């Protein structure tokens, strides 16, 4: 492996790791808020 090729790989892997971490953080930040607890338990109360 030539030196420029090795340097490209050394730069590529941390960059890919940062992109994955950024995507994970965006997924957490942009997900819809959870349903309120009352909305999840309402169908159970209607069955009784």
C-alpha atoms as a PDB file:
ATOM      1  CA  UNK A   1       0.000   0.000   0.000  1.00  0.00           C
ATOM      2  CA  UNK A   2       1.433   3.327  -1.017  1.00  0.00           C
ATOM      3  CA  UNK A   3       1.744   6.151   1.465  1.00  0.00           C
ATOM      4  CA  UNK A   4      -0.980   8.364  -0.122  1.00  0.00           C
ATOM      5  CA  UNK A   5      -3.345   5.395  -0.129  1.00  0.00           C
ATOM      6  CA  UNK A   6      -2.653   4.761   3.560  1.00  0.00           C
ATOM      7  CA  UNK A   7      -3.155   8.445   4.378  1.00  0.00           C
ATOM      8  CA  UNK A   8      -6.485   8.419   2.528  1.00  0.00           C
ATOM      9  CA  UNK A   9      -7.633   5.455   4.607  1.00  0.00           C
ATOM     10  CA  UNK A  10      -6.503   7.107   7.827  1.00  0.00           C
ATOM     11  CA  UNK A  11      -8.639  10.130   6.945  1.00  0.00           C
ATOM     12  CA  UNK A  12     -11.588   8.118   5.623  1.00  0.00           C
ATOM     13  CA  UNK A  13     -12.404   5.959   8.668  1.00  0.00           C
ATOM     14  CA  UNK A  14     -12.667   8.768  11.239  1.00  0.00           C
ATOM     15  CA  UNK A  15     -14.747  10.747   8.731  1.00  0.00           C
ATOM     16  CA  UNK A  16     -17.129   7.806   8.286  1.00  0.00           C
ATOM     17  CA  UNK A  17     -17.384   7.430  12.060  1.00  0.00           C
ATOM     18  CA  UNK A  18     -18.283  11.089  12.434  1.00  0.00           C
ATOM     19  CA  UNK A  19     -20.908  10.813   9.699  1.00  0.00           C
ATOM     20  CA  UNK A  20     -22.507   7.810  11.411  1.00  0.00           C
ATOM     21  CA  UNK A  21     -22.511   9.581  14.786  1.00  0.00           C
ATOM     22  CA  UNK A  22     -24.006  12.712  13.182  1.00  0.00           C
ATOM     23  CA  UNK A  23     -26.732  10.637  11.520  1.00  0.00           C
ATOM     24  CA  UNK A  24     -27.522   8.917  14.812  1.00  0.00           C
ATOM     25  CA  UNK A  25     -27.817  12.249  16.613  1.00  0.00           C
ATOM     26  CA  UNK A  26     -30.039  13.634  13.855  1.00  0.00           C
ATOM     27  CA  UNK A  27     -32.278  10.575  14.071  1.00  0.00           C
ATOM     28  CA  UNK A  28     -32.678  11.106  17.806  1.00  0.00           C
ATOM     29  CA  UNK A  29     -33.282  14.833  17.458  1.00  0.00           C
ATOM     30  CA  UNK A  30     -35.782  14.596  14.589  1.00  0.00           C
ATOM     31  CA  UNK A  31     -37.862  11.655  15.769  1.00  0.00           C
ATOM     32  CA  UNK A  32     -41.432  12.417  16.786  1.00  0.00           C
ATOM     33  CA  UNK A  33     -42.104  12.843  20.490  1.00  0.00           C
ATOM     34  CA  UNK A  34     -43.515   9.802  22.289  1.00  0.00           C
ATOM     35  CA  UNK A  35     -47.248   9.507  22.759  1.00  0.00           C
ATOM     36  CA  UNK A  36     -48.565  10.761  26.092  1.00  0.00           C
ATOM     37  CA  UNK A  37     -49.119   8.028  28.641  1.00  0.00           C
ATOM     38  CA  UNK A  38     -52.872   8.712  28.678  1.00  0.00           C
ATOM     39  CA  UNK A  39     -53.158   8.072  24.930  1.00  0.00           C
ATOM     40  CA  UNK A  40     -51.425   4.694  25.266  1.00  0.00           C
ATOM     41  CA  UNK A  41     -53.575   3.508  28.166  1.00  0.00           C
ATOM     42  CA  UNK A  42     -56.923   4.797  26.833  1.00  0.00           C
ATOM     43  CA  UNK A  43     -57.675   1.748  24.640  1.00  0.00           C
ATOM     44  CA  UNK A  44     -57.042  -0.565  27.589  1.00  0.00           C
ATOM     45  CA  UNK A  45     -59.535   1.352  29.733  1.00  0.00           C
ATOM     46  CA  UNK A  46     -62.167   1.231  26.990  1.00  0.00           C
ATOM     47  CA  UNK A  47     -61.978  -2.573  26.865  1.00  0.00           C
ATOM     48  CA  UNK A  48     -62.961  -2.941  30.535  1.00  0.00           C
END
